Amino acid sequence: MSIFSEKNINEIVTSCGKGDAESLNYFFEKYSVEIYNFPIRIFHMTEDEAGDYFIYTFERLKDGRKFSQFNQKSSFKTWFFAVLRNMLIDWKKGQKEVKTTKSYKVNKDGQEYFSIESESDEYFEKIHTQTEITQDFNTVVSSLKIESRVLFKLAYIYYLNLNGEEIEYLLRVSSLTQEELRQKIFSIREYLVDRDSELIEEESKLTYIFTQIQELEFIKKNGEVKIFQDNLPGKHKLEESIHKKREQRRKLLEKRGKSHFPIRTPFKIISELLPMKEMAISLALTRIIEKIEILLKNSDK
């Protein structure tokens, strides 16, 4: 979310919080794509779900009252990320399992009309399944010992929240004050938001490279001439270009596929909060993830 400078966005959000129509229109003009894409890139939802979420979010932001809660103690992008995430949770909780759909019928005069009926809908069944998976995951994580639970949540603090018990544990082992810990968590999330921006750029690179490969393959298939911007011999240049781009794409895909949670807190940062060395954190986190996977498999039986 680097559309505005921090100073400019703070001024705009302050005006939005006062209900200024011009500022609100300007904000939504610039941030509507970010809001729409949020559930897709963070929680891998479908475009249909993203559209419904966007409408839900817009309805709750359009009067500007939510913006008045921004106190500028953290960066806007950190605050807005938390707002979008909390609204997503509320939206998911408020969804129903049965959807009212249009059922078309024909009257005695042969005219088609529709009646409103409650019918099972696969889209909402899918949401229900996703909600159950999320609930199972939260139940499994909650069953871990406090030290394992805190380590896991710190590693994936971009996606997860610490509860009161976990915060108290961190205060004890880190010797930080509550305000110091709060600022530390804010700074970690700011760092991870920036990391997410880098991943979005990598996704854009993947799309661009794939498009280039398709273009070159088309040229090769149709025997067209490709003009390269250099003075090197043209023999095999097309095949070499395709090979290089495929290799570049393979490396990017390999990098992306190393984790189900692409945004993870660096072990060095975690070691500043927990009395553990980086190597010990790495080993412990691996065991915790293995245990979570086993517990989730057992919960399906």
C-alpha atoms as a PDB file:
ATOM      1  CA  MET A   1       0.000   0.000   0.000  1.00  0.00           C
ATOM      2  CA  SER A   2       2.416   2.664  -1.150  1.00  0.00           C
ATOM      3  CA  ILE A   3      -0.040   4.822  -3.094  1.00  0.00           C
ATOM      4  CA  PHE A   4       0.536   7.895  -0.902  1.00  0.00           C
ATOM      5  CA  SER A   5       3.383   9.106   1.276  1.00  0.00           C
ATOM      6  CA  GLU A   6       2.825   8.517   5.010  1.00  0.00           C
ATOM      7  CA  LYS A   7       2.268  12.240   5.581  1.00  0.00           C
ATOM      8  CA  ASN A   8      -0.270  12.583   2.777  1.00  0.00           C
ATOM      9  CA  ILE A   9      -2.259   9.496   3.725  1.00  0.00           C
ATOM     10  CA  ASN A  10      -2.458  10.631   7.348  1.00  0.00           C
ATOM     11  CA  GLU A  11      -3.977  13.933   6.214  1.00  0.00           C
ATOM     12  CA  ILE A  12      -6.443  12.177   3.908  1.00  0.00           C
ATOM     13  CA  VAL A  13      -7.508   9.670   6.592  1.00  0.00           C
ATOM     14  CA  THR A  14      -7.986  12.490   9.115  1.00  0.00           C
ATOM     15  CA  SER A  15     -10.331  14.221   6.650  1.00  0.00           C
ATOM     16  CA  CYS A  16     -12.131  10.925   6.000  1.00  0.00           C
ATOM     17  CA  GLY A  17     -12.622  10.531   9.758  1.00  0.00           C
ATOM     18  CA  LYS A  18     -14.441  13.888   9.743  1.00  0.00           C
ATOM     19  CA  GLY A  19     -16.772  12.628   7.033  1.00  0.00           C
ATOM     20  CA  ASP A  20     -15.328  14.777   4.233  1.00  0.00           C
ATOM     21  CA  ALA A  21     -17.006  13.465   1.066  1.00  0.00           C
ATOM     22  CA  GLU A  22     -14.218  14.553  -1.297  1.00  0.00           C
ATOM     23  CA  SER A  23     -11.540  12.810   0.795  1.00  0.00           C
ATOM     24  CA  LEU A  24     -13.641   9.644   1.077  1.00  0.00           C
ATOM     25  CA  ASN A  25     -14.206   9.532  -2.685  1.00  0.00           C
ATOM     26  CA  TYR A  26     -10.496  10.079  -3.295  1.00  0.00           C
ATOM     27  CA  PHE A  27      -9.562   7.360  -0.786  1.00  0.00           C
ATOM     28  CA  PHE A  28     -11.858   4.742  -2.324  1.00  0.00           C
ATOM     29  CA  GLU A  29     -10.744   5.695  -5.814  1.00  0.00           C
ATOM     30  CA  LYS A  30      -7.143   4.915  -4.848  1.00  0.00           C
ATOM     31  CA  TYR A  31      -7.675   2.009  -2.426  1.00  0.00           C
ATOM     32  CA  SER A  32     -10.616   0.080  -3.905  1.00  0.00           C
ATOM     33  CA  VAL A  33      -8.278  -2.362  -5.703  1.00  0.00           C
ATOM     34  CA  GLU A  34      -6.284  -2.952  -2.490  1.00  0.00           C
ATOM     35  CA  ILE A  35      -9.492  -3.735  -0.572  1.00  0.00           C
ATOM     36  CA  TYR A  36     -10.760  -6.072  -3.290  1.00  0.00           C
ATOM     37  CA  ASN A  37      -7.425  -7.928  -3.581  1.00  0.00           C
ATOM     38  CA  PHE A  38      -6.903  -8.275   0.181  1.00  0.00           C
ATOM     39  CA  PRO A  39      -8.856 -11.557   0.718  1.00  0.00           C
ATOM     40  CA  ILE A  40      -7.435 -13.004  -2.508  1.00  0.00           C
ATOM     41  CA  ARG A  41      -3.739 -12.502  -1.788  1.00  0.00           C
ATOM     42  CA  ILE A  42      -3.835 -12.999   1.992  1.00  0.00           C
ATOM     43  CA  PHE A  43      -6.442 -15.765   2.366  1.00  0.00           C
ATOM     44  CA  HIS A  44      -6.533 -17.123  -1.212  1.00  0.00           C
ATOM     45  CA  MET A  45     -10.277 -16.523  -1.637  1.00  0.00           C
ATOM     46  CA  THR A  46     -12.060 -16.500  -4.985  1.00  0.00           C
ATOM     47  CA  GLU A  47     -12.872 -13.377  -6.986  1.00  0.00           C
ATOM     48  CA  ASP A  48     -16.586 -13.826  -6.207  1.00  0.00           C
ATOM     49  CA  GLU A  49     -15.813 -13.885  -2.494  1.00  0.00           C
ATOM     50  CA  ALA A  50     -13.563 -10.839  -2.884  1.00  0.00           C
ATOM     51  CA  GLY A  51     -16.404  -8.963  -4.572  1.00  0.00           C
ATOM     52  CA  ASP A  52     -18.810  -9.732  -1.715  1.00  0.00           C
ATOM     53  CA  TYR A  53     -16.163  -8.783   0.836  1.00  0.00           C
ATOM     54  CA  PHE A  54     -15.501  -5.479  -0.958  1.00  0.00           C
ATOM     55  CA  ILE A  55     -19.197  -4.522  -0.770  1.00  0.00           C
ATOM     56  CA  TYR A  56     -19.289  -5.485   2.927  1.00  0.00           C
ATOM     57  CA  THR A  57     -16.194  -3.400   3.670  1.00  0.00           C
ATOM     58  CA  PHE A  58     -17.288  -0.403   1.599  1.00  0.00           C
ATOM     59  CA  GLU A  59     -20.618  -0.233   3.438  1.00  0.00           C
ATOM     60  CA  ARG A  60     -18.770  -0.035   6.765  1.00  0.00           C
ATOM     61  CA  LEU A  61     -16.170   2.499   5.686  1.00  0.00           C
ATOM     62  CA  LYS A  62     -18.175   4.850   3.447  1.00  0.00           C
ATOM     63  CA  ASP A  63     -19.399   7.180   6.243  1.00  0.00           C
ATOM     64  CA  GLY A  64     -15.812   7.764   7.464  1.00  0.00           C
ATOM     65  CA  ARG A  65     -16.400   7.001  11.156  1.00  0.00           C
ATOM     66  CA  LYS A  66     -13.955   4.078  11.133  1.00  0.00           C
ATOM     67  CA  PHE A  67     -11.132   6.363   9.971  1.00  0.00           C
ATOM     68  CA  SER A  68     -11.500   8.519  13.089  1.00  0.00           C
ATOM     69  CA  GLN A  69     -10.069   5.581  15.091  1.00  0.00           C
ATOM     70  CA  PHE A  70      -6.689   5.926  13.375  1.00  0.00           C
ATOM     71  CA  ASN A  71      -4.460   7.599  16.005  1.00  0.00           C
ATOM     72  CA  GLN A  72      -1.233   7.644  13.918  1.00  0.00           C
ATOM     73  CA  LYS A  73       0.714   5.731  16.604  1.00  0.00           C
ATOM     74  CA  SER A  74       1.448   3.106  13.958  1.00  0.00           C
ATOM     75  CA  SER A  75       1.758   3.514  10.204  1.00  0.00           C
ATOM     76  CA  PHE A  76      -1.466   3.722   8.222  1.00  0.00           C
ATOM     77  CA  LYS A  77      -0.773   0.511   6.293  1.00  0.00           C
ATOM     78  CA  THR A  78      -0.381  -1.466   9.538  1.00  0.00           C
ATOM     79  CA  TRP A  79      -3.590  -0.016  10.949  1.00  0.00           C
ATOM     80  CA  PHE A  80      -5.552  -0.486   7.728  1.00  0.00           C
ATOM     81  CA  PHE A  81      -4.327  -4.079   7.371  1.00  0.00           C
ATOM     82  CA  ALA A  82      -5.723  -4.826  10.859  1.00  0.00           C
ATOM     83  CA  VAL A  83      -9.034  -3.159   9.929  1.00  0.00           C
ATOM     84  CA  LEU A  84      -9.377  -5.210   6.742  1.00  0.00           C
ATOM     85  CA  ARG A  85      -8.470  -8.422   8.545  1.00  0.00           C
ATOM     86  CA  ASN A  86     -10.975  -7.826  11.374  1.00  0.00           C
ATOM     87  CA  MET A  87     -13.707  -6.938   8.882  1.00  0.00           C
ATOM     88  CA  LEU A  88     -12.959 -10.143   6.993  1.00  0.00           C
ATOM     89  CA  ILE A  89     -13.394 -12.162  10.194  1.00  0.00           C
ATOM     90  CA  ASP A  90     -16.686 -10.374  10.980  1.00  0.00           C
ATOM     91  CA  TRP A  91     -17.907 -10.883   7.414  1.00  0.00           C
ATOM     92  CA  LYS A  92     -17.159 -14.618   7.539  1.00  0.00           C
ATOM     93  CA  LYS A  93     -18.941 -14.962  10.891  1.00  0.00           C
ATOM     94  CA  GLY A  94     -22.030 -13.218   9.539  1.00  0.00           C
ATOM     95  CA  GLN A  95     -22.457 -15.423   6.485  1.00  0.00           C
ATOM     96  CA  LYS A  96     -25.279 -17.963   6.336  1.00  0.00           C
ATOM     97  CA  GLU A  97     -25.096 -21.535   5.117  1.00  0.00           C
ATOM     98  CA  VAL A  98     -28.311 -21.320   3.075  1.00  0.00           C
ATOM     99  CA  LYS A  99     -28.711 -18.756   0.332  1.00  0.00           C
ATOM    100  CA  THR A 100     -32.003 -17.360  -0.983  1.00  0.00           C
ATOM    101  CA  THR A 101     -32.012 -17.942  -4.747  1.00  0.00           C
ATOM    102  CA  LYS A 102     -34.284 -17.124  -7.678  1.00  0.00           C
ATOM    103  CA  SER A 103     -36.463 -20.063  -8.739  1.00  0.00           C
ATOM    104  CA  TYR A 104     -38.217 -19.470 -12.067  1.00  0.00           C
ATOM    105  CA  LYS A 105     -41.755 -20.841 -12.678  1.00  0.00           C
ATOM    106  CA  VAL A 106     -44.544 -20.465 -15.249  1.00  0.00           C
ATOM    107  CA  ASN A 107     -48.055 -19.232 -14.324  1.00  0.00           C
ATOM    108  CA  LYS A 108     -51.383 -20.444 -15.819  1.00  0.00           C
ATOM    109  CA  ASP A 109     -51.092 -17.899 -18.657  1.00  0.00           C
ATOM    110  CA  GLY A 110     -47.709 -19.278 -19.692  1.00  0.00           C
ATOM    111  CA  GLN A 111     -45.766 -16.286 -18.371  1.00  0.00           C
ATOM    112  CA  GLU A 112     -42.448 -16.902 -16.646  1.00  0.00           C
ATOM    113  CA  TYR A 113     -41.961 -15.507 -13.160  1.00  0.00           C
ATOM    114  CA  PHE A 114     -39.722 -16.306 -10.229  1.00  0.00           C
ATOM    115  CA  SER A 115     -40.460 -17.073  -6.607  1.00  0.00           C
ATOM    116  CA  ILE A 116     -38.017 -16.601  -3.744  1.00  0.00           C
ATOM    117  CA  GLU A 117     -37.033 -19.908  -2.184  1.00  0.00           C
ATOM    118  CA  SER A 118     -34.360 -21.056   0.231  1.00  0.00           C
ATOM    119  CA  GLU A 119     -32.218 -23.532  -1.649  1.00  0.00           C
ATOM    120  CA  SER A 120     -28.869 -25.122  -0.877  1.00  0.00           C
ATOM    121  CA  ASP A 121     -26.065 -23.273  -2.646  1.00  0.00           C
ATOM    122  CA  GLU A 122     -22.641 -24.784  -3.396  1.00  0.00           C
ATOM    123  CA  TYR A 123     -20.924 -21.417  -2.906  1.00  0.00           C
ATOM    124  CA  PHE A 124     -22.100 -21.186   0.687  1.00  0.00           C
ATOM    125  CA  GLU A 125     -21.353 -24.856   1.295  1.00  0.00           C
ATOM    126  CA  LYS A 126     -17.783 -24.093   0.206  1.00  0.00           C
ATOM    127  CA  ILE A 127     -17.630 -21.168   2.660  1.00  0.00           C
ATOM    128  CA  HIS A 128     -18.961 -23.446   5.408  1.00  0.00           C
ATOM    129  CA  THR A 129     -16.209 -25.981   4.647  1.00  0.00           C
ATOM    130  CA  GLN A 130     -13.553 -23.253   4.734  1.00  0.00           C
ATOM    131  CA  THR A 131     -14.936 -21.994   8.057  1.00  0.00           C
ATOM    132  CA  GLU A 132     -14.771 -25.516   9.518  1.00  0.00           C
ATOM    133  CA  ILE A 133     -11.151 -25.871   8.394  1.00  0.00           C
ATOM    134  CA  THR A 134     -10.311 -22.533  10.028  1.00  0.00           C
ATOM    135  CA  GLN A 135     -12.050 -23.589  13.238  1.00  0.00           C
ATOM    136  CA  ASP A 136     -10.158 -26.906  13.278  1.00  0.00           C
ATOM    137  CA  PHE A 137      -6.874 -25.059  12.758  1.00  0.00           C
ATOM    138  CA  ASN A 138      -7.607 -22.606  15.595  1.00  0.00           C
ATOM    139  CA  THR A 139      -8.626 -25.471  17.896  1.00  0.00           C
ATOM    140  CA  VAL A 140      -5.398 -27.359  17.167  1.00  0.00           C
ATOM    141  CA  VAL A 141      -3.213 -24.273  17.712  1.00  0.00           C
ATOM    142  CA  SER A 142      -5.047 -23.514  20.978  1.00  0.00           C
ATOM    143  CA  SER A 143      -4.281 -27.046  22.212  1.00  0.00           C
ATOM    144  CA  LEU A 144      -0.506 -26.486  22.019  1.00  0.00           C
ATOM    145  CA  LYS A 145       1.533 -25.729  25.127  1.00  0.00           C
ATOM    146  CA  ILE A 146       1.857 -22.004  25.776  1.00  0.00           C
ATOM    147  CA  GLU A 147       5.533 -21.799  24.750  1.00  0.00           C
ATOM    148  CA  SER A 148       4.869 -23.635  21.461  1.00  0.00           C
ATOM    149  CA  ARG A 149       1.746 -21.601  20.770  1.00  0.00           C
ATOM    150  CA  VAL A 150       3.522 -18.286  21.298  1.00  0.00           C
ATOM    151  CA  LEU A 151       6.476 -19.298  19.119  1.00  0.00           C
ATOM    152  CA  PHE A 152       4.170 -20.402  16.292  1.00  0.00           C
ATOM    153  CA  LYS A 153       2.058 -17.231  16.469  1.00  0.00           C
ATOM    154  CA  LEU A 154       5.124 -14.991  16.552  1.00  0.00           C
ATOM    155  CA  ALA A 155       6.473 -16.768  13.478  1.00  0.00           C
ATOM    156  CA  TYR A 156       3.197 -16.094  11.635  1.00  0.00           C
ATOM    157  CA  ILE A 157       2.107 -12.910  13.399  1.00  0.00           C
ATOM    158  CA  TYR A 158       1.199 -11.486   9.977  1.00  0.00           C
ATOM    159  CA  TYR A 159      -1.794 -13.859   9.958  1.00  0.00           C
ATOM    160  CA  LEU A 160      -2.425 -14.637  13.637  1.00  0.00           C
ATOM    161  CA  ASN A 161      -3.254 -12.699  16.812  1.00  0.00           C
ATOM    162  CA  LEU A 162      -1.936 -13.210  20.340  1.00  0.00           C
ATOM    163  CA  ASN A 163      -4.532 -13.652  23.090  1.00  0.00           C
ATOM    164  CA  GLY A 164      -4.293 -12.322  26.652  1.00  0.00           C
ATOM    165  CA  GLU A 165      -2.602 -15.423  28.083  1.00  0.00           C
ATOM    166  CA  GLU A 166       0.005 -15.404  25.306  1.00  0.00           C
ATOM    167  CA  ILE A 167       0.729 -11.695  25.790  1.00  0.00           C
ATOM    168  CA  GLU A 168       1.229 -12.266  29.544  1.00  0.00           C
ATOM    169  CA  TYR A 169       3.666 -15.099  28.749  1.00  0.00           C
ATOM    170  CA  LEU A 170       5.637 -12.842  26.388  1.00  0.00           C
ATOM    171  CA  LEU A 171       5.769 -10.059  28.966  1.00  0.00           C
ATOM    172  CA  ARG A 172       7.294 -12.506  31.470  1.00  0.00           C
ATOM    173  CA  VAL A 173       9.945 -14.045  29.215  1.00  0.00           C
ATOM    174  CA  SER A 174      10.918 -10.868  27.350  1.00  0.00           C
ATOM    175  CA  SER A 175      11.019  -8.508  30.373  1.00  0.00           C
ATOM    176  CA  LEU A 176       9.365  -5.835  28.205  1.00  0.00           C
ATOM    177  CA  THR A 177       6.638  -3.494  29.385  1.00  0.00           C
ATOM    178  CA  GLN A 178       3.198  -3.834  27.806  1.00  0.00           C
ATOM    179  CA  GLU A 179       3.762  -0.669  25.747  1.00  0.00           C
ATOM    180  CA  GLU A 180       7.206  -1.845  24.594  1.00  0.00           C
ATOM    181  CA  LEU A 181       5.756  -5.205  23.535  1.00  0.00           C
ATOM    182  CA  ARG A 182       2.910  -3.494  21.680  1.00  0.00           C
ATOM    183  CA  GLN A 183       5.353  -1.293  19.777  1.00  0.00           C
ATOM    184  CA  LYS A 184       7.531  -4.319  19.010  1.00  0.00           C
ATOM    185  CA  ILE A 185       4.592  -6.247  17.533  1.00  0.00           C
ATOM    186  CA  PHE A 186       3.597  -3.175  15.498  1.00  0.00           C
ATOM    187  CA  SER A 187       7.115  -2.838  14.108  1.00  0.00           C
ATOM    188  CA  ILE A 188       7.225  -6.554  13.201  1.00  0.00           C
ATOM    189  CA  ARG A 189       3.927  -6.284  11.340  1.00  0.00           C
ATOM    190  CA  GLU A 190       5.096  -3.153   9.512  1.00  0.00           C
ATOM    191  CA  TYR A 191       8.181  -5.059   8.377  1.00  0.00           C
ATOM    192  CA  LEU A 192       6.040  -7.997   7.231  1.00  0.00           C
ATOM    193  CA  VAL A 193       3.622  -5.734   5.347  1.00  0.00           C
ATOM    194  CA  ASP A 194       6.612  -4.426   3.388  1.00  0.00           C
ATOM    195  CA  ARG A 195       7.680  -8.029   2.794  1.00  0.00           C
ATOM    196  CA  ASP A 196       4.211  -8.762   1.445  1.00  0.00           C
ATOM    197  CA  SER A 197       4.618  -5.910  -1.037  1.00  0.00           C
ATOM    198  CA  GLU A 198       7.792  -7.591  -2.287  1.00  0.00           C
ATOM    199  CA  LEU A 199       5.886 -10.857  -2.790  1.00  0.00           C
ATOM    200  CA  ILE A 200       3.197  -9.049  -4.764  1.00  0.00           C
ATOM    201  CA  GLU A 201       5.942  -7.710  -7.026  1.00  0.00           C
ATOM    202  CA  GLU A 202       7.226 -11.277  -7.456  1.00  0.00           C
ATOM    203  CA  GLU A 203       3.724 -12.404  -8.466  1.00  0.00           C
ATOM    204  CA  SER A 204       3.661  -9.615 -11.049  1.00  0.00           C
ATOM    205  CA  LYS A 205       7.044 -10.802 -12.353  1.00  0.00           C
ATOM    206  CA  LEU A 206       5.685 -14.338 -12.719  1.00  0.00           C
ATOM    207  CA  THR A 207       2.721 -13.094 -14.733  1.00  0.00           C
ATOM    208  CA  TYR A 208       4.939 -10.916 -16.926  1.00  0.00           C
ATOM    209  CA  ILE A 209       7.454 -13.716 -17.587  1.00  0.00           C
ATOM    210  CA  PHE A 210       4.668 -16.186 -18.401  1.00  0.00           C
ATOM    211  CA  THR A 211       3.189 -13.703 -20.901  1.00  0.00           C
ATOM    212  CA  GLN A 212       6.599 -13.256 -22.524  1.00  0.00           C
ATOM    213  CA  ILE A 213       7.090 -17.027 -22.807  1.00  0.00           C
ATOM    214  CA  GLN A 214       3.678 -17.385 -24.459  1.00  0.00           C
ATOM    215  CA  GLU A 215       4.528 -14.608 -26.911  1.00  0.00           C
ATOM    216  CA  LEU A 216       7.876 -16.169 -27.826  1.00  0.00           C
ATOM    217  CA  GLU A 217       6.309 -19.630 -28.191  1.00  0.00           C
ATOM    218  CA  PHE A 218       3.713 -18.151 -30.551  1.00  0.00           C
ATOM    219  CA  ILE A 219       6.442 -16.483 -32.625  1.00  0.00           C
ATOM    220  CA  LYS A 220       8.417 -19.744 -32.775  1.00  0.00           C
ATOM    221  CA  LYS A 221       5.342 -21.780 -33.754  1.00  0.00           C
ATOM    222  CA  ASN A 222       4.383 -19.406 -36.557  1.00  0.00           C
ATOM    223  CA  GLY A 223       7.907 -18.949 -37.891  1.00  0.00           C
ATOM    224  CA  GLU A 224       7.872 -15.190 -37.352  1.00  0.00           C
ATOM    225  CA  VAL A 225      11.043 -13.119 -36.984  1.00  0.00           C
ATOM    226  CA  LYS A 226      11.846 -11.733 -33.531  1.00  0.00           C
ATOM    227  CA  ILE A 227      14.057  -8.637 -33.423  1.00  0.00           C
ATOM    228  CA  PHE A 228      16.334  -8.633 -30.370  1.00  0.00           C
ATOM    229  CA  GLN A 229      17.888  -5.438 -29.018  1.00  0.00           C
ATOM    230  CA  ASP A 230      21.535  -6.420 -29.485  1.00  0.00           C
ATOM    231  CA  ASN A 231      24.091  -7.055 -32.227  1.00  0.00           C
ATOM    232  CA  LEU A 232      24.752 -10.705 -31.403  1.00  0.00           C
ATOM    233  CA  PRO A 233      24.251 -13.490 -33.997  1.00  0.00           C
ATOM    234  CA  GLY A 234      20.556 -14.422 -34.334  1.00  0.00           C
ATOM    235  CA  LYS A 235      20.998 -18.203 -34.508  1.00  0.00           C
ATOM    236  CA  HIS A 236      19.096 -20.045 -31.750  1.00  0.00           C
ATOM    237  CA  LYS A 237      18.458 -16.738 -30.000  1.00  0.00           C
ATOM    238  CA  LEU A 238      14.718 -17.358 -29.765  1.00  0.00           C
ATOM    239  CA  GLU A 239      15.166 -20.792 -28.169  1.00  0.00           C
ATOM    240  CA  GLU A 240      17.752 -19.395 -25.757  1.00  0.00           C
ATOM    241  CA  SER A 241      15.410 -16.585 -24.748  1.00  0.00           C
ATOM    242  CA  ILE A 242      12.549 -19.037 -24.090  1.00  0.00           C
ATOM    243  CA  HIS A 243      14.861 -21.309 -22.075  1.00  0.00           C
ATOM    244  CA  LYS A 244      16.146 -18.410 -19.927  1.00  0.00           C
ATOM    245  CA  LYS A 245      12.655 -17.138 -19.176  1.00  0.00           C
ATOM    246  CA  ARG A 246      11.419 -20.616 -18.279  1.00  0.00           C
ATOM    247  CA  GLU A 247      14.357 -21.018 -15.913  1.00  0.00           C
ATOM    248  CA  GLN A 248      13.673 -17.611 -14.381  1.00  0.00           C
ATOM    249  CA  ARG A 249      10.018 -18.542 -13.867  1.00  0.00           C
ATOM    250  CA  ARG A 250      10.970 -21.940 -12.390  1.00  0.00           C
ATOM    251  CA  LYS A 251      13.193 -20.280  -9.774  1.00  0.00           C
ATOM    252  CA  LEU A 252      10.459 -17.810  -8.807  1.00  0.00           C
ATOM    253  CA  LEU A 253       7.898 -20.621  -8.485  1.00  0.00           C
ATOM    254  CA  GLU A 254      10.331 -22.680  -6.428  1.00  0.00           C
ATOM    255  CA  LYS A 255      10.903 -19.748  -4.095  1.00  0.00           C
ATOM    256  CA  ARG A 256       7.166 -19.117  -3.757  1.00  0.00           C
ATOM    257  CA  GLY A 257       6.352 -22.765  -3.072  1.00  0.00           C
ATOM    258  CA  LYS A 258       8.624 -23.231  -0.067  1.00  0.00           C
ATOM    259  CA  SER A 259       5.940 -22.312   2.472  1.00  0.00           C
ATOM    260  CA  HIS A 260       2.156 -22.400   2.869  1.00  0.00           C
ATOM    261  CA  PHE A 261       2.565 -19.168   4.865  1.00  0.00           C
ATOM    262  CA  PRO A 262       4.805 -17.058   2.591  1.00  0.00           C
ATOM    263  CA  ILE A 263       5.130 -14.259   5.171  1.00  0.00           C
ATOM    264  CA  ARG A 264       7.120 -15.490   8.186  1.00  0.00           C
ATOM    265  CA  THR A 265       8.839 -13.468  10.898  1.00  0.00           C
ATOM    266  CA  PRO A 266      12.654 -13.829  10.674  1.00  0.00           C
ATOM    267  CA  PHE A 267      14.091 -16.008  13.442  1.00  0.00           C
ATOM    268  CA  LYS A 268      16.463 -13.211  14.481  1.00  0.00           C
ATOM    269  CA  ILE A 269      13.486 -10.970  15.322  1.00  0.00           C
ATOM    270  CA  ILE A 270      11.756 -13.771  17.256  1.00  0.00           C
ATOM    271  CA  SER A 271      14.956 -14.354  19.267  1.00  0.00           C
ATOM    272  CA  GLU A 272      14.701 -10.755  20.499  1.00  0.00           C
ATOM    273  CA  LEU A 273      11.415 -11.651  22.211  1.00  0.00           C
ATOM    274  CA  LEU A 274      11.997 -15.234  23.326  1.00  0.00           C
ATOM    275  CA  PRO A 275      14.982 -16.646  25.281  1.00  0.00           C
ATOM    276  CA  MET A 276      15.993 -18.852  22.336  1.00  0.00           C
ATOM    277  CA  LYS A 277      18.763 -18.865  19.737  1.00  0.00           C
ATOM    278  CA  GLU A 278      17.871 -18.693  16.046  1.00  0.00           C
ATOM    279  CA  MET A 279      18.814 -22.347  15.410  1.00  0.00           C
ATOM    280  CA  ALA A 280      16.710 -23.516  18.355  1.00  0.00           C
ATOM    281  CA  ILE A 281      13.755 -21.482  17.040  1.00  0.00           C
ATOM    282  CA  SER A 282      14.108 -23.084  13.605  1.00  0.00           C
ATOM    283  CA  LEU A 283      14.135 -26.623  15.015  1.00  0.00           C
ATOM    284  CA  ALA A 284      11.299 -25.974  17.483  1.00  0.00           C
ATOM    285  CA  LEU A 285       9.102 -24.377  14.815  1.00  0.00           C
ATOM    286  CA  THR A 286       9.641 -27.356  12.478  1.00  0.00           C
ATOM    287  CA  ARG A 287       8.489 -29.753  15.227  1.00  0.00           C
ATOM    288  CA  ILE A 288       5.487 -27.554  16.056  1.00  0.00           C
ATOM    289  CA  ILE A 289       4.361 -27.463  12.418  1.00  0.00           C
ATOM    290  CA  GLU A 290       4.745 -31.257  12.174  1.00  0.00           C
ATOM    291  CA  LYS A 291       2.625 -31.671  15.309  1.00  0.00           C
ATOM    292  CA  ILE A 292      -0.068 -29.314  13.969  1.00  0.00           C
ATOM    293  CA  GLU A 293      -0.205 -31.288  10.697  1.00  0.00           C
ATOM    294  CA  ILE A 294      -0.632 -34.581  12.627  1.00  0.00           C
ATOM    295  CA  LEU A 295      -3.362 -33.111  14.846  1.00  0.00           C
ATOM    296  CA  LEU A 296      -5.217 -31.705  11.840  1.00  0.00           C
ATOM    297  CA  LYS A 297      -5.105 -35.075  10.061  1.00  0.00           C
ATOM    298  CA  ASN A 298      -6.451 -36.790  13.210  1.00  0.00           C
ATOM    299  CA  SER A 299      -9.257 -34.227  13.477  1.00  0.00           C
ATOM    300  CA  ASP A 300     -10.462 -35.253   9.980  1.00  0.00           C
ATOM    301  CA  LYS A 301     -10.938 -38.890  11.004  1.00  0.00           C
END
